[in-house]
Every structure is written in structure tokens, then in C-alpha cells.
Protein backbone atom coordinates (compact mmCIF):
# COMPACT_ATOMS: atom_id res chain seq x y z
CA UNK A 1 0.00 0.00 0.00
CA UNK A 2 1.36 3.39 -1.02
CA UNK A 3 1.65 6.00 1.73
CA UNK A 4 4.15 8.92 1.70
CA UNK A 5 5.69 10.27 -1.51
CA UNK A 6 8.76 12.36 -2.30
CA UNK A 7 9.89 13.63 -5.70
CA UNK A 8 13.37 14.77 -6.76
CA UNK A 9 14.31 16.06 -10.21
CA UNK A 10 17.22 14.32 -11.98
CA UNK A 11 19.76 16.21 -14.17
CA UNK A 12 18.43 14.62 -17.38
CA UNK A 13 14.92 15.98 -16.90
CA UNK A 14 13.55 12.83 -15.36
CA UNK A 15 12.43 12.44 -11.76
CA UNK A 16 13.10 10.00 -8.96
CA UNK A 17 10.06 9.10 -6.89
CA UNK A 18 10.37 7.67 -3.36
CA UNK A 19 7.30 5.98 -1.89
CA UNK A 20 6.65 4.40 1.49
CA UNK A 21 5.17 0.93 1.12
CA UNK A 22 3.04 -1.06 3.56
CA UNK A 23 1.73 -4.54 3.09
CA UNK A 24 3.93 -7.23 1.60
CA UNK A 25 6.96 -5.41 2.97
CA UNK A 26 7.72 -2.27 4.93
CA UNK A 27 10.07 -0.34 2.69
CA UNK A 28 10.87 2.74 0.65
CA UNK A 29 10.23 1.95 -3.02
CA UNK A 30 12.15 3.89 -5.68
CA UNK A 31 10.87 4.68 -9.18
CA UNK A 32 12.18 6.58 -12.18
CA UNK A 33 9.51 8.87 -13.60
CA UNK A 34 9.76 9.93 -17.25
CA UNK A 35 7.37 12.68 -18.37
CA UNK A 36 8.88 13.36 -21.80
CA UNK A 37 6.56 11.08 -23.74
CA UNK A 38 2.88 11.27 -24.63
CA UNK A 39 2.08 9.76 -21.23
CA UNK A 40 4.24 9.62 -18.09
CA UNK A 41 5.94 6.30 -17.35
CA UNK A 42 7.24 5.00 -14.03
CA UNK A 43 9.92 2.31 -13.77
CA UNK A 44 10.69 0.57 -10.48
CA UNK A 45 14.44 0.68 -9.81
CA UNK A 46 14.75 -0.72 -6.29
CA UNK A 47 13.80 -0.44 -2.66
CA UNK A 48 15.25 0.02 0.81
CA UNK A 49 13.62 -2.09 3.56
CA UNK A 50 12.76 -0.43 6.84
CA UNK A 51 14.47 -1.85 9.95
CA UNK A 52 12.52 -4.47 11.91
CA UNK A 53 9.60 -4.03 9.48
CA UNK A 54 8.71 -0.70 11.05
CA UNK A 55 6.10 1.21 9.01
CA UNK A 56 7.52 4.36 7.44
CA UNK A 57 5.05 7.22 7.37
CA UNK A 58 6.78 9.84 5.22
CA UNK A 59 10.03 10.03 3.26
CA UNK A 60 12.28 12.76 1.87
CA UNK A 61 15.60 12.73 0.04
CA UNK A 62 18.85 14.66 0.02
CA UNK A 63 20.64 15.50 -3.22
CA UNK A 64 23.22 12.73 -2.70
CA UNK A 65 20.46 10.10 -2.65
CA UNK A 66 20.32 9.72 1.12
CA UNK A 67 16.84 9.19 2.53
CA UNK A 68 15.16 10.20 5.76
CA UNK A 69 11.94 8.49 6.79
CA UNK A 70 9.63 8.94 9.75
CA UNK A 71 8.00 6.26 11.83
CA UNK A 72 4.83 7.55 13.48
CA UNK A 73 4.23 4.77 16.02
CA UNK A 74 7.17 2.52 16.90
CA UNK A 75 6.72 -0.99 18.34
CA UNK A 76 5.43 -0.88 21.90
CA UNK A 77 3.81 2.54 21.40
CA UNK A 78 0.18 3.37 20.66
CA UNK A 79 -1.94 6.14 19.16
CA UNK A 80 -3.21 6.78 22.67
CA UNK A 81 0.41 7.51 23.68
CA UNK A 82 0.71 9.95 20.80
CA UNK A 83 -2.49 11.82 21.66
CA UNK A 84 -1.22 12.08 25.23
CA UNK A 85 1.90 13.83 23.90
CA UNK A 86 4.26 10.99 24.72
CA UNK A 87 7.16 10.08 22.42
CA UNK A 88 6.09 7.45 19.90
CA UNK A 89 8.22 7.92 16.77
CA UNK A 90 11.60 8.80 15.31
CA UNK A 91 13.46 9.62 12.10
CA UNK A 92 15.58 7.02 10.28
CA UNK A 93 18.40 7.70 7.79
CA UNK A 94 19.67 5.60 4.90
CA UNK A 95 22.73 6.56 2.84
CA UNK A 96 23.67 4.97 -0.51
CA UNK A 97 26.09 2.09 -0.08
CA UNK A 98 24.88 1.14 3.40
CA UNK A 99 22.83 -1.93 4.17
CA UNK A 100 20.00 -0.43 6.15
CA UNK A 101 18.32 2.56 7.71
CA UNK A 102 19.59 3.70 11.10
CA UNK A 103 17.72 5.62 13.76
CA UNK A 104 18.83 9.21 14.28
CA UNK A 105 19.25 9.92 18.01
CA UNK A 106 17.43 13.00 19.22
CA UNK A 107 14.67 12.83 16.60
CA UNK A 108 12.23 10.99 18.86
CA UNK A 109 8.98 12.97 18.92
CA UNK A 110 5.29 12.45 19.50
CA UNK A 111 3.79 11.17 16.25
CA UNK A 112 6.65 11.84 13.81
CA UNK A 113 4.72 12.44 10.61
CA UNK A 114 5.65 14.54 7.55
CA UNK A 115 9.30 15.23 6.71
CA UNK A 116 11.14 17.50 4.27
CA UNK A 117 14.80 18.34 3.58
CA UNK A 118 16.34 21.77 3.02
CA UNK A 119 17.57 22.80 -0.45
CA UNK A 120 21.16 23.07 0.82
CA UNK A 121 21.02 19.55 2.37
CA UNK A 122 21.99 20.90 5.80
CA UNK A 123 18.67 20.49 7.59
CA UNK A 124 15.46 18.52 7.66
CA UNK A 125 12.05 19.33 9.12
CA UNK A 126 9.69 16.97 10.93
CA UNK A 127 6.02 17.31 11.83
CA UNK A 128 5.12 16.22 15.35
CA UNK A 129 1.40 16.01 14.76
CA UNK A 130 0.02 15.53 18.25
CA UNK A 131 2.17 18.28 19.81
CA UNK A 132 1.32 20.62 16.89
CA UNK A 133 4.96 21.36 16.05
CA UNK A 134 7.30 21.51 13.07
CA UNK A 135 10.83 20.75 14.28
CA UNK A 136 14.05 21.62 12.42
CA UNK A 137 17.10 19.39 12.81
CA UNK A 138 20.68 19.64 11.57
CA UNK A 139 21.60 16.78 9.27
CA UNK A 140 25.05 16.53 10.88
CA UNK A 141 23.92 16.65 14.52
CA UNK A 142 20.44 15.49 15.42
CA UNK A 143 21.05 15.36 19.16
CA UNK A 144 18.73 18.31 19.74
CA UNK A 145 16.36 20.41 17.63
CA UNK A 146 17.60 23.59 15.97
CA UNK A 147 14.27 25.44 15.90
CA UNK A 148 10.60 24.76 16.44
CA UNK A 149 7.41 26.21 14.98
CA UNK A 150 4.53 25.88 17.43
CA UNK A 151 1.08 25.69 15.88
CA UNK A 152 -2.05 26.19 17.95
CA UNK A 153 -5.27 24.90 16.38
CA UNK A 154 -4.24 21.94 14.25
CA UNK A 155 -1.77 19.11 14.11
CA UNK A 156 0.49 19.38 11.03
CA UNK A 157 0.58 16.28 8.85
CA UNK A 158 2.72 16.59 5.70
CA UNK A 159 5.30 19.27 4.88
CA UNK A 160 6.33 20.58 1.45
CA UNK A 161 8.13 23.58 -0.04
CA UNK A 162 6.35 26.49 -1.69
CA UNK A 163 7.66 28.43 -4.70
CA UNK A 164 8.74 31.28 -2.41
CA UNK A 165 10.93 29.03 -0.23
CA UNK A 166 8.58 28.54 2.67
CA UNK A 167 7.34 25.31 4.17
CA UNK A 168 3.63 24.60 3.82
CA UNK A 169 1.66 22.24 6.02
CA UNK A 170 -1.97 21.38 6.68
CA UNK A 171 -4.07 19.36 9.07
CA UNK A 172 -7.39 18.93 10.77
CA UNK A 173 -8.74 21.41 13.29
CA UNK A 174 -8.08 19.82 16.64
CA UNK A 175 -10.93 21.08 18.79
CA UNK A 176 -13.91 20.24 16.59
CA UNK A 177 -17.10 20.48 18.70
CA UNK A 178 -19.05 18.08 16.47
CA UNK A 179 -16.36 15.45 17.14
CA UNK A 180 -16.43 15.91 20.90
CA UNK A 181 -13.29 18.04 20.96
CA UNK A 182 -9.69 16.99 20.26
CA UNK A 183 -9.08 13.37 19.22
CA UNK A 184 -7.91 11.00 21.93
CA UNK A 185 -7.74 7.79 19.89
CA UNK A 186 -7.12 6.81 16.27
CA UNK A 187 -10.89 6.65 15.75
CA UNK A 188 -11.11 10.33 16.67
CA UNK A 189 -9.25 11.42 13.54
CA UNK A 190 -11.83 9.73 11.31
CA UNK A 191 -14.47 12.21 12.45
CA UNK A 192 -15.19 15.00 9.95
CA UNK A 193 -13.12 18.00 11.00
CA UNK A 194 -12.36 21.38 9.49
CA UNK A 195 -8.89 22.13 8.15
CA UNK A 196 -6.16 24.77 8.37
CA UNK A 197 -3.23 25.31 6.00
CA UNK A 198 -0.24 27.43 7.00
CA UNK A 199 3.22 28.37 5.79
CA UNK A 200 6.35 28.49 7.93
CA UNK A 201 9.49 30.58 7.49
CA UNK A 202 12.27 27.96 7.77
CA UNK A 203 14.71 30.46 9.31
CA UNK A 204 12.49 32.08 11.94
CA UNK A 205 9.81 29.35 12.15
CA UNK A 206 7.16 32.09 12.06
CA UNK A 207 3.75 30.68 11.11
CA UNK A 208 1.35 32.35 8.65
CA UNK A 209 -2.15 30.98 8.14
CA UNK A 210 -3.03 30.54 4.46
CA UNK A 211 -6.57 29.21 4.64
CA UNK A 212 -9.08 27.39 6.77
CA UNK A 213 -12.39 25.70 6.10
CA UNK A 214 -15.26 23.93 7.86
CA UNK A 215 -15.84 20.23 8.22
CA UNK A 216 -16.94 18.63 4.95
CA UNK A 217 -18.20 15.03 5.22
CA UNK A 218 -17.22 14.27 1.60
CA UNK A 219 -13.60 15.27 2.29
CA UNK A 220 -12.20 14.32 5.68
CA UNK A 221 -8.69 13.86 7.02
CA UNK A 222 -6.90 16.84 5.46
CA UNK A 223 -3.20 16.00 5.42
CA UNK A 224 -1.39 18.15 2.83
CA UNK A 225 -1.73 21.49 1.05
CA UNK A 226 -0.08 22.81 -2.09
CA UNK A 227 -0.51 26.26 -3.60
CA UNK A 228 -1.02 26.29 -7.38
CA UNK A 229 -1.36 29.86 -8.65
CA UNK A 230 -4.34 31.38 -6.87
CA UNK A 231 -5.67 27.99 -5.76
CA UNK A 232 -4.98 25.79 -2.77
CA UNK A 233 -5.08 22.03 -3.38
CA UNK A 234 -5.66 19.69 -0.45
CA UNK A 235 -4.95 15.99 0.00
CA UNK A 236 -6.28 13.59 2.61
CA UNK A 237 -5.28 10.42 4.44
CA UNK A 238 -8.93 9.36 4.55
CA UNK A 239 -10.79 10.64 1.46
CA UNK A 240 -10.81 9.09 -2.02
CA UNK A 241 -10.39 12.47 -3.74
CA UNK A 242 -8.51 15.76 -3.78
CA UNK A 243 -10.06 19.11 -2.89
CA UNK A 244 -9.25 22.61 -4.09
CA UNK A 245 -10.38 26.16 -3.39
CA UNK A 246 -9.62 29.68 -4.50
CA UNK A 247 -7.33 31.85 -2.38
CA UNK A 248 -8.67 35.10 -3.80
């Protein structure tokens, strides 16, 4: 089952796609994407298994081909632990030529979710969904966070870059009255909740709200936002469709 995705442009105009896989194996699958023809084609070129069959949630790459992947709930931990703000996850690193991913000390957070790398390869950014934070780490020293963006009304899910070099994230409104307030179990995030999308300055970690919307039963579980011109496109971990809206 496909979960997180990451895309990196190759020098020849093609793209490398990294995808977290659940089911037959827990791994990061790697594809070459060619968009030069009449229709895009994707060719599988390999995979990197996760350690101890841990389920990767999100993945991002550095320019040298190294991968960082998050695990939301590690063995022995539960969603109830995450909603209580206890540490449940971590970030794992794989570098080309090595046999396996290794856990990065200091990256243990509550519900490690989305992840993104910096353009200069020096940093990476992790969403701690249940503590409503985006945390910046140095690639060379992960022993403690560099900076933190604290959100207030929603738990960030995925993280991506915008065209103006800001991070963008989205998630469900936490305190949704129709759902009985903030979620306390995994079932609580299936309830129809409104959404918020926000951008983050990666240097100052200042947060700017981009948009918000009410609960919509046909589109629940908002997990990612991307700005396309004057529109905001939203993805979901629960819905079978995308959503979009005008930002004008």
C-alpha cells in the first residue's frame, strides 16, 4: 500500500520518486519517472527495507540520494500515547552504499509524521502532529532540535516547499465540537473536522495561516496542502479524492 511520496528532479529531466510501502513489505520503493513522452511512465528501480519491518510514514531525500523516513508509532507505542503527547516515533536515515536505515538519536517525537529536507542539504524538518509542532534538525547533529514552529489549532501532517521558499503544512482542526473536541484515539481522527493550512518561514519558524475551512463530510482527514497559482489544493489520508479552493 502506497503512503508517503517524495519527488526529486534528476539532471536529465527525469524524476526520482520515493514511496513508502506497507503490506507485503515495509520499505521505501524507488521509481524513475519519465514525463517526456505522450504519457508519463514509471519504472521501479529498487527499494530500501525499513528496519525491523517498522512502518515508514513519510520520506524525503537529500541531493546525494540519502533518505530520511519517519515512523509515526514505533513498536510498543500506541496512538493513545501519541495523543497524550508521549514520544512514539523517530526519524531514520539511509545513505547509498549502506545496508539499512539507522535511527537518528534526538529525533524521537510524539507522532513523527511529515518530513522535508532543506535545499542546501543541511537540515530537515519533521512534523510532530500531536504536539502541533514543526521541528528543524541539523543533518550533521540530530542530538537536539535547531528550531521549532509551534502551531495552535491543528496538528500538522505533511510538509512541502512552496515556490517562495517557505514550508507549507496542513491538518485537521483539533478542537472540533461536532467530534467531541480533540481526538484522543485513532478513531477520533476519522471524524469529519475542518482544516487549516499554514506556511512556515524555515529560518524564523514564524507561522502564517493561508486558509481554513469547515468540516466537509465528503472530504475528511486533510493532510497536505499545495498552492497552485491562486488555488490551494488539499490531499487527505482518509478521502478518495482531492479538494481545491480559491485563495482570492
